Amino acid sequence: MGVEIEDGIAAVNFSRQLEQVGGTARVLGILKQIGYTATAVPGVRGAWLYIEGKKVQNFSGEGVIIQEPLSRSGGAAF
């Protein structure tokens, strides 16, 4: 796990355990919480999700597409 910030966008890196969730509502809640928490840091306006160093574009078995940084206003295609 770890966080790096560049140009106001955080890269938030989690272990593979984060993907071991099921249910669309739970998955969307996790993504929204990551965006909300990351943007609580002054100067951070969004966050990309990484799993073990690899940028996530399709999250979990629910197939949620992440096309832009997660933020308080959304960020994933949900």
PDB file of N, CA and C in Angstrom:
ATOM      1  N   MET A   1       0.833  -1.179   0.000  1.00  0.00           N
ATOM      2  CA  MET A   1       0.000   0.000   0.000  1.00  0.00           C
ATOM      3  C   MET A   1       0.877   1.241   0.000  1.00  0.00           C
ATOM      4  N   GLY A   2       0.320   2.299  -0.504  1.00  0.00           N
ATOM      5  CA  GLY A   2       1.037   3.558  -0.506  1.00  0.00           C
ATOM      6  C   GLY A   2       0.284   4.604  -1.297  1.00  0.00           C
ATOM      7  N   VAL A   3       0.754   5.840  -1.153  1.00  0.00           N
ATOM      8  CA  VAL A   3       0.137   6.966  -1.853  1.00  0.00           C
ATOM      9  C   VAL A   3       1.233   7.872  -2.376  1.00  0.00           C
ATOM     10  N   GLU A   4       1.069   8.301  -3.628  1.00  0.00           N
ATOM     11  CA  GLU A   4       1.939   9.313  -4.225  1.00  0.00           C
ATOM     12  C   GLU A   4       1.027  10.383  -4.805  1.00  0.00           C
ATOM     13  N   ILE A   5       1.463  11.647  -4.720  1.00  0.00           N
ATOM     14  CA  ILE A   5       0.653  12.745  -5.247  1.00  0.00           C
ATOM     15  C   ILE A   5       1.483  13.528  -6.250  1.00  0.00           C
ATOM     16  N   GLU A   6       0.873  13.766  -7.421  1.00  0.00           N
ATOM     17  CA  GLU A   6       1.523  14.544  -8.466  1.00  0.00           C
ATOM     18  C   GLU A   6       0.470  15.400  -9.159  1.00  0.00           C
ATOM     19  N   ASP A   7       0.719  16.685  -9.234  1.00  0.00           N
ATOM     20  CA  ASP A   7      -0.186  17.622  -9.899  1.00  0.00           C
ATOM     21  C   ASP A   7      -1.624  17.534  -9.384  1.00  0.00           C
ATOM     22  N   GLY A   8      -1.784  17.352  -8.084  1.00  0.00           N
ATOM     23  CA  GLY A   8      -3.111  17.326  -7.477  1.00  0.00           C
ATOM     24  C   GLY A   8      -3.867  16.025  -7.611  1.00  0.00           C
ATOM     25  N   ILE A   9      -3.234  15.003  -8.181  1.00  0.00           N
ATOM     26  CA  ILE A   9      -3.872  13.688  -8.329  1.00  0.00           C
ATOM     27  C   ILE A   9      -3.069  12.656  -7.542  1.00  0.00           C
ATOM     28  N   ALA A  10      -3.764  11.951  -6.659  1.00  0.00           N
ATOM     29  CA  ALA A  10      -3.115  10.912  -5.854  1.00  0.00           C
ATOM     30  C   ALA A  10      -3.139   9.587  -6.607  1.00  0.00           C
ATOM     31  N   ALA A  11      -2.097   8.826  -6.462  1.00  0.00           N
ATOM     32  CA  ALA A  11      -2.039   7.444  -6.930  1.00  0.00           C
ATOM     33  C   ALA A  11      -2.092   6.599  -5.659  1.00  0.00           C
ATOM     34  N   VAL A  12      -3.224   5.940  -5.442  1.00  0.00           N
ATOM     35  CA  VAL A  12      -3.458   5.197  -4.210  1.00  0.00           C
ATOM     36  C   VAL A  12      -3.309   3.715  -4.508  1.00  0.00           C
ATOM     37  N   ASN A  13      -2.332   3.089  -3.867  1.00  0.00           N
ATOM     38  CA  ASN A  13      -1.979   1.701  -4.156  1.00  0.00           C
ATOM     39  C   ASN A  13      -2.437   0.781  -3.021  1.00  0.00           C
ATOM     40  N   PHE A  14      -3.248  -0.200  -3.358  1.00  0.00           N
ATOM     41  CA  PHE A  14      -3.764  -1.161  -2.387  1.00  0.00           C
ATOM     42  C   PHE A  14      -3.277  -2.564  -2.727  1.00  0.00           C
ATOM     43  N   SER A  15      -3.420  -3.478  -1.758  1.00  0.00           N
ATOM     44  CA  SER A  15      -3.124  -4.884  -2.022  1.00  0.00           C
ATOM     45  C   SER A  15      -4.302  -5.499  -2.774  1.00  0.00           C
ATOM     46  N   ARG A  16      -4.096  -6.674  -3.299  1.00  0.00           N
ATOM     47  CA  ARG A  16      -5.117  -7.392  -4.066  1.00  0.00           C
ATOM     48  C   ARG A  16      -6.349  -7.702  -3.218  1.00  0.00           C
ATOM     49  N   GLN A  17      -6.223  -7.674  -1.912  1.00  0.00           N
ATOM     50  CA  GLN A  17      -7.357  -7.956  -1.027  1.00  0.00           C
ATOM     51  C   GLN A  17      -8.523  -7.006  -1.259  1.00  0.00           C
ATOM     52  N   LEU A  18      -8.250  -5.801  -1.726  1.00  0.00           N
ATOM     53  CA  LEU A  18      -9.315  -4.839  -1.978  1.00  0.00           C
ATOM     54  C   LEU A  18     -10.310  -5.363  -3.008  1.00  0.00           C
ATOM     55  N   GLU A  19      -9.859  -6.176  -3.928  1.00  0.00           N
ATOM     56  CA  GLU A  19     -10.728  -6.709  -4.982  1.00  0.00           C
ATOM     57  C   GLU A  19     -11.623  -7.849  -4.508  1.00  0.00           C
ATOM     58  N   GLN A  20     -11.414  -8.308  -3.300  1.00  0.00           N
ATOM     59  CA  GLN A  20     -12.167  -9.453  -2.800  1.00  0.00           C
ATOM     60  C   GLN A  20     -13.480  -9.018  -2.157  1.00  0.00           C
ATOM     61  N   VAL A  21     -14.218  -8.192  -2.864  1.00  0.00           N
ATOM     62  CA  VAL A  21     -15.535  -7.753  -2.410  1.00  0.00           C
ATOM     63  C   VAL A  21     -16.540  -8.087  -3.505  1.00  0.00           C
ATOM     64  N   GLY A  22     -17.759  -8.232  -3.106  1.00  0.00           N
ATOM     65  CA  GLY A  22     -18.786  -8.528  -4.083  1.00  0.00           C
ATOM     66  C   GLY A  22     -19.985  -7.618  -3.905  1.00  0.00           C
ATOM     67  N   GLY A  23     -20.773  -7.544  -4.924  1.00  0.00           N
ATOM     68  CA  GLY A  23     -21.968  -6.722  -4.886  1.00  0.00           C
ATOM     69  C   GLY A  23     -21.694  -5.332  -5.426  1.00  0.00           C
ATOM     70  N   THR A  24     -22.503  -4.932  -6.362  1.00  0.00           N
ATOM     71  CA  THR A  24     -22.299  -3.648  -7.019  1.00  0.00           C
ATOM     72  C   THR A  24     -22.325  -2.493  -6.025  1.00  0.00           C
ATOM     73  N   ALA A  25     -23.277  -2.500  -5.108  1.00  0.00           N
ATOM     74  CA  ALA A  25     -23.381  -1.399  -4.145  1.00  0.00           C
ATOM     75  C   ALA A  25     -22.123  -1.291  -3.289  1.00  0.00           C
ATOM     76  N   ARG A  26     -21.603  -2.415  -2.852  1.00  0.00           N
ATOM     77  CA  ARG A  26     -20.399  -2.399  -2.019  1.00  0.00           C
ATOM     78  C   ARG A  26     -19.193  -1.896  -2.812  1.00  0.00           C
ATOM     79  N   VAL A  27     -19.040  -2.375  -4.043  1.00  0.00           N
ATOM     80  CA  VAL A  27     -17.926  -1.962  -4.899  1.00  0.00           C
ATOM     81  C   VAL A  27     -17.982  -0.453  -5.157  1.00  0.00           C
ATOM     82  N   LEU A  28     -19.156   0.049  -5.517  1.00  0.00           N
ATOM     83  CA  LEU A  28     -19.298   1.479  -5.778  1.00  0.00           C
ATOM     84  C   LEU A  28     -19.045   2.298  -4.525  1.00  0.00           C
ATOM     85  N   GLY A  29     -19.483   1.792  -3.388  1.00  0.00           N
ATOM     86  CA  GLY A  29     -19.228   2.475  -2.118  1.00  0.00           C
ATOM     87  C   GLY A  29     -17.743   2.570  -1.812  1.00  0.00           C
ATOM     88  N   ILE A  30     -17.012   1.504  -2.071  1.00  0.00           N
ATOM     89  CA  ILE A  30     -15.563   1.504  -1.837  1.00  0.00           C
ATOM     90  C   ILE A  30     -14.887   2.542  -2.734  1.00  0.00           C
ATOM     91  N   LEU A  31     -15.258   2.571  -4.005  1.00  0.00           N
ATOM     92  CA  LEU A  31     -14.643   3.531  -4.925  1.00  0.00           C
ATOM     93  C   LEU A  31     -14.974   4.968  -4.535  1.00  0.00           C
ATOM     94  N   LYS A  32     -16.210   5.213  -4.162  1.00  0.00           N
ATOM     95  CA  LYS A  32     -16.587   6.561  -3.734  1.00  0.00           C
ATOM     96  C   LYS A  32     -15.828   6.964  -2.477  1.00  0.00           C
ATOM     97  N   GLN A  33     -15.648   6.035  -1.550  1.00  0.00           N
ATOM     98  CA  GLN A  33     -14.934   6.351  -0.313  1.00  0.00           C
ATOM     99  C   GLN A  33     -13.467   6.638  -0.577  1.00  0.00           C
ATOM    100  N   ILE A  34     -12.851   5.912  -1.497  1.00  0.00           N
ATOM    101  CA  ILE A  34     -11.453   6.183  -1.852  1.00  0.00           C
ATOM    102  C   ILE A  34     -11.336   7.603  -2.406  1.00  0.00           C
ATOM    103  N   GLY A  35     -12.224   7.969  -3.323  1.00  0.00           N
ATOM    104  CA  GLY A  35     -12.205   9.318  -3.885  1.00  0.00           C
ATOM    105  C   GLY A  35     -12.463  10.379  -2.833  1.00  0.00           C
ATOM    106  N   TYR A  36     -13.413  10.135  -1.955  1.00  0.00           N
ATOM    107  CA  TYR A  36     -13.759  11.101  -0.910  1.00  0.00           C
ATOM    108  C   TYR A  36     -12.596  11.289   0.059  1.00  0.00           C
ATOM    109  N   THR A  37     -12.008  10.199   0.480  1.00  0.00           N
ATOM    110  CA  THR A  37     -10.905  10.268   1.442  1.00  0.00           C
ATOM    111  C   THR A  37      -9.674  10.931   0.831  1.00  0.00           C
ATOM    112  N   ALA A  38      -9.347  10.570  -0.393  1.00  0.00           N
ATOM    113  CA  ALA A  38      -8.166  11.157  -1.047  1.00  0.00           C
ATOM    114  C   ALA A  38      -8.308  12.664  -1.193  1.00  0.00           C
ATOM    115  N   THR A  39      -9.501  13.120  -1.545  1.00  0.00           N
ATOM    116  CA  THR A  39      -9.695  14.553  -1.763  1.00  0.00           C
ATOM    117  C   THR A  39      -9.851  15.339  -0.465  1.00  0.00           C
ATOM    118  N   ALA A  40      -9.811  14.659   0.662  1.00  0.00           N
ATOM    119  CA  ALA A  40      -9.790  15.354   1.950  1.00  0.00           C
ATOM    120  C   ALA A  40      -8.413  15.958   2.219  1.00  0.00           C
ATOM    121  N   VAL A  41      -7.414  15.489   1.499  1.00  0.00           N
ATOM    122  CA  VAL A  41      -6.051  16.021   1.631  1.00  0.00           C
ATOM    123  C   VAL A  41      -5.984  17.346   0.867  1.00  0.00           C
ATOM    124  N   PRO A  42      -5.562  18.409   1.524  1.00  0.00           N
ATOM    125  CA  PRO A  42      -5.487  19.703   0.834  1.00  0.00           C
ATOM    126  C   PRO A  42      -4.656  19.618  -0.451  1.00  0.00           C
ATOM    127  N   GLY A  43      -5.211  20.152  -1.527  1.00  0.00           N
ATOM    128  CA  GLY A  43      -4.525  20.165  -2.812  1.00  0.00           C
ATOM    129  C   GLY A  43      -4.774  18.962  -3.696  1.00  0.00           C
ATOM    130  N   VAL A  44      -5.408  17.915  -3.150  1.00  0.00           N
ATOM    131  CA  VAL A  44      -5.705  16.720  -3.946  1.00  0.00           C
ATOM    132  C   VAL A  44      -7.128  16.834  -4.477  1.00  0.00           C
ATOM    133  N   ARG A  45      -7.283  16.736  -5.786  1.00  0.00           N
ATOM    134  CA  ARG A  45      -8.603  16.860  -6.404  1.00  0.00           C
ATOM    135  C   ARG A  45      -9.136  15.543  -6.969  1.00  0.00           C
ATOM    136  N   GLY A  46      -8.342  14.477  -6.901  1.00  0.00           N
ATOM    137  CA  GLY A  46      -8.777  13.174  -7.380  1.00  0.00           C
ATOM    138  C   GLY A  46      -7.737  12.116  -7.108  1.00  0.00           C
ATOM    139  N   ALA A  47      -8.109  10.859  -7.387  1.00  0.00           N
ATOM    140  CA  ALA A  47      -7.184   9.751  -7.122  1.00  0.00           C
ATOM    141  C   ALA A  47      -7.372   8.636  -8.134  1.00  0.00           C
ATOM    142  N   TRP A  48      -6.263   8.130  -8.623  1.00  0.00           N
ATOM    143  CA  TRP A  48      -6.266   6.914  -9.432  1.00  0.00           C
ATOM    144  C   TRP A  48      -6.079   5.734  -8.492  1.00  0.00           C
ATOM    145  N   LEU A  49      -6.757   4.651  -8.764  1.00  0.00           N
ATOM    146  CA  LEU A  49      -6.661   3.438  -7.970  1.00  0.00           C
ATOM    147  C   LEU A  49      -5.643   2.494  -8.600  1.00  0.00           C
ATOM    148  N   TYR A  50      -4.753   1.978  -7.769  1.00  0.00           N
ATOM    149  CA  TYR A  50      -3.772   0.977  -8.185  1.00  0.00           C
ATOM    150  C   TYR A  50      -3.918  -0.244  -7.291  1.00  0.00           C
ATOM    151  N   ILE A  51      -3.743  -1.418  -7.865  1.00  0.00           N
ATOM    152  CA  ILE A  51      -3.705  -2.667  -7.113  1.00  0.00           C
ATOM    153  C   ILE A  51      -2.333  -3.276  -7.338  1.00  0.00           C
ATOM    154  N   GLU A  52      -1.561  -3.377  -6.267  1.00  0.00           N
ATOM    155  CA  GLU A  52      -0.209  -3.914  -6.301  1.00  0.00           C
ATOM    156  C   GLU A  52       0.614  -3.300  -7.430  1.00  0.00           C
ATOM    157  N   GLY A  53       0.539  -1.972  -7.536  1.00  0.00           N
ATOM    158  CA  GLY A  53       1.352  -1.229  -8.483  1.00  0.00           C
ATOM    159  C   GLY A  53       0.804  -1.110  -9.895  1.00  0.00           C
ATOM    160  N   LYS A  54      -0.336  -1.730 -10.180  1.00  0.00           N
ATOM    161  CA  LYS A  54      -0.918  -1.676 -11.518  1.00  0.00           C
ATOM    162  C   LYS A  54      -2.185  -0.818 -11.497  1.00  0.00           C
ATOM    163  N   LYS A  55      -2.238   0.173 -12.407  1.00  0.00           N
ATOM    164  CA  LYS A  55      -3.395   1.065 -12.470  1.00  0.00           C
ATOM    165  C   LYS A  55      -4.648   0.278 -12.833  1.00  0.00           C
ATOM    166  N   VAL A  56      -5.721   0.521 -12.087  1.00  0.00           N
ATOM    167  CA  VAL A  56      -6.975  -0.198 -12.279  1.00  0.00           C
ATOM    168  C   VAL A  56      -7.882   0.589 -13.227  1.00  0.00           C
ATOM    169  N   GLN A  57      -8.329  -0.078 -14.277  1.00  0.00           N
ATOM    170  CA  GLN A  57      -9.276   0.527 -15.204  1.00  0.00           C
ATOM    171  C   GLN A  57     -10.615  -0.210 -15.184  1.00  0.00           C
ATOM    172  N   ASN A  58     -10.600  -1.445 -14.691  1.00  0.00           N
ATOM    173  CA  ASN A  58     -11.798  -2.261 -14.581  1.00  0.00           C
ATOM    174  C   ASN A  58     -11.735  -2.921 -13.210  1.00  0.00           C
ATOM    175  N   PHE A  59     -12.567  -2.443 -12.277  1.00  0.00           N
ATOM    176  CA  PHE A  59     -12.458  -2.875 -10.880  1.00  0.00           C
ATOM    177  C   PHE A  59     -13.407  -4.006 -10.532  1.00  0.00           C
ATOM    178  N   SER A  60     -12.896  -5.024  -9.951  1.00  0.00           N
ATOM    179  CA  SER A  60     -13.579  -6.185  -9.379  1.00  0.00           C
ATOM    180  C   SER A  60     -14.383  -6.962 -10.417  1.00  0.00           C
ATOM    181  N   GLY A  61     -14.998  -8.016  -9.947  1.00  0.00           N
ATOM    182  CA  GLY A  61     -15.831  -8.843 -10.808  1.00  0.00           C
ATOM    183  C   GLY A  61     -17.098  -8.129 -11.264  1.00  0.00           C
ATOM    184  N   GLU A  62     -17.387  -6.998 -10.641  1.00  0.00           N
ATOM    185  CA  GLU A  62     -18.564  -6.216 -11.027  1.00  0.00           C
ATOM    186  C   GLU A  62     -18.314  -5.438 -12.304  1.00  0.00           C
ATOM    187  N   GLY A  63     -17.048  -5.328 -12.700  1.00  0.00           N
ATOM    188  CA  GLY A  63     -16.704  -4.684 -13.957  1.00  0.00           C
ATOM    189  C   GLY A  63     -16.892  -3.173 -13.984  1.00  0.00           C
ATOM    190  N   VAL A  64     -16.668  -2.514 -12.872  1.00  0.00           N
ATOM    191  CA  VAL A  64     -16.804  -1.060 -12.828  1.00  0.00           C
ATOM    192  C   VAL A  64     -15.621  -0.433 -13.561  1.00  0.00           C
ATOM    193  N   ILE A  65     -15.911   0.375 -14.559  1.00  0.00           N
ATOM    194  CA  ILE A  65     -14.891   1.030 -15.376  1.00  0.00           C
ATOM    195  C   ILE A  65     -14.469   2.332 -14.705  1.00  0.00           C
ATOM    196  N   ILE A  66     -13.170   2.536 -14.573  1.00  0.00           N
ATOM    197  CA  ILE A  66     -12.626   3.777 -14.010  1.00  0.00           C
ATOM    198  C   ILE A  66     -11.908   4.504 -15.140  1.00  0.00           C
ATOM    199  N   GLN A  67     -12.525   5.580 -15.629  1.00  0.00           N
ATOM    200  CA  GLN A  67     -11.974   6.323 -16.764  1.00  0.00           C
ATOM    201  C   GLN A  67     -11.357   7.654 -16.373  1.00  0.00           C
ATOM    202  N   GLU A  68     -11.608   8.102 -15.150  1.00  0.00           N
ATOM    203  CA  GLU A  68     -11.057   9.363 -14.675  1.00  0.00           C
ATOM    204  C   GLU A  68     -10.787   9.223 -13.187  1.00  0.00           C
ATOM    205  N   PRO A  69      -9.992  10.110 -12.615  1.00  0.00           N
ATOM    206  CA  PRO A  69      -9.675   9.977 -11.193  1.00  0.00           C
ATOM    207  C   PRO A  69     -10.930   9.961 -10.321  1.00  0.00           C
ATOM    208  N   LEU A  70     -10.884   9.150  -9.284  1.00  0.00           N
ATOM    209  CA  LEU A  70     -11.967   9.106  -8.302  1.00  0.00           C
ATOM    210  C   LEU A  70     -11.969  10.404  -7.514  1.00  0.00           C
ATOM    211  N   SER A  71     -13.141  10.922  -7.214  1.00  0.00           N
ATOM    212  CA  SER A  71     -13.225  12.178  -6.467  1.00  0.00           C
ATOM    213  C   SER A  71     -14.539  12.226  -5.705  1.00  0.00           C
ATOM    214  N   ARG A  72     -14.798  13.329  -5.051  1.00  0.00           N
ATOM    215  CA  ARG A  72     -16.055  13.488  -4.326  1.00  0.00           C
ATOM    216  C   ARG A  72     -17.237  13.575  -5.271  1.00  0.00           C
ATOM    217  N   SER A  73     -17.000  13.962  -6.487  1.00  0.00           N
ATOM    218  CA  SER A  73     -18.101  14.088  -7.456  1.00  0.00           C
ATOM    219  C   SER A  73     -18.263  12.844  -8.312  1.00  0.00           C
ATOM    220  N   GLY A  74     -17.579  11.775  -7.967  1.00  0.00           N
ATOM    221  CA  GLY A  74     -17.696  10.526  -8.725  1.00  0.00           C
ATOM    222  C   GLY A  74     -16.360  10.103  -9.245  1.00  0.00           C
ATOM    223  N   GLY A  75     -16.228  10.076 -10.563  1.00  0.00           N
ATOM    224  CA  GLY A  75     -14.946   9.731 -11.148  1.00  0.00           C
ATOM    225  C   GLY A  75     -14.919   8.393 -11.841  1.00  0.00           C
ATOM    226  N   ALA A  76     -15.691   7.450 -11.354  1.00  0.00           N
ATOM    227  CA  ALA A  76     -15.788   6.168 -12.069  1.00  0.00           C
ATOM    228  C   ALA A  76     -17.088   6.184 -12.839  1.00  0.00           C
ATOM    229  N   ALA A  77     -17.190   5.323 -13.800  1.00  0.00           N
ATOM    230  CA  ALA A  77     -18.398   5.276 -14.636  1.00  0.00           C
ATOM    231  C   ALA A  77     -19.523   4.595 -13.863  1.00  0.00           C
ATOM    232  N   PHE A  78     -19.966   5.266 -12.795  1.00  0.00           N
ATOM    233  CA  PHE A  78     -21.073   4.691 -11.999  1.00  0.00           C
ATOM    234  C   PHE A  78     -22.120   5.671 -11.712  1.00  0.00           C
TER     235      PHE A  78
END
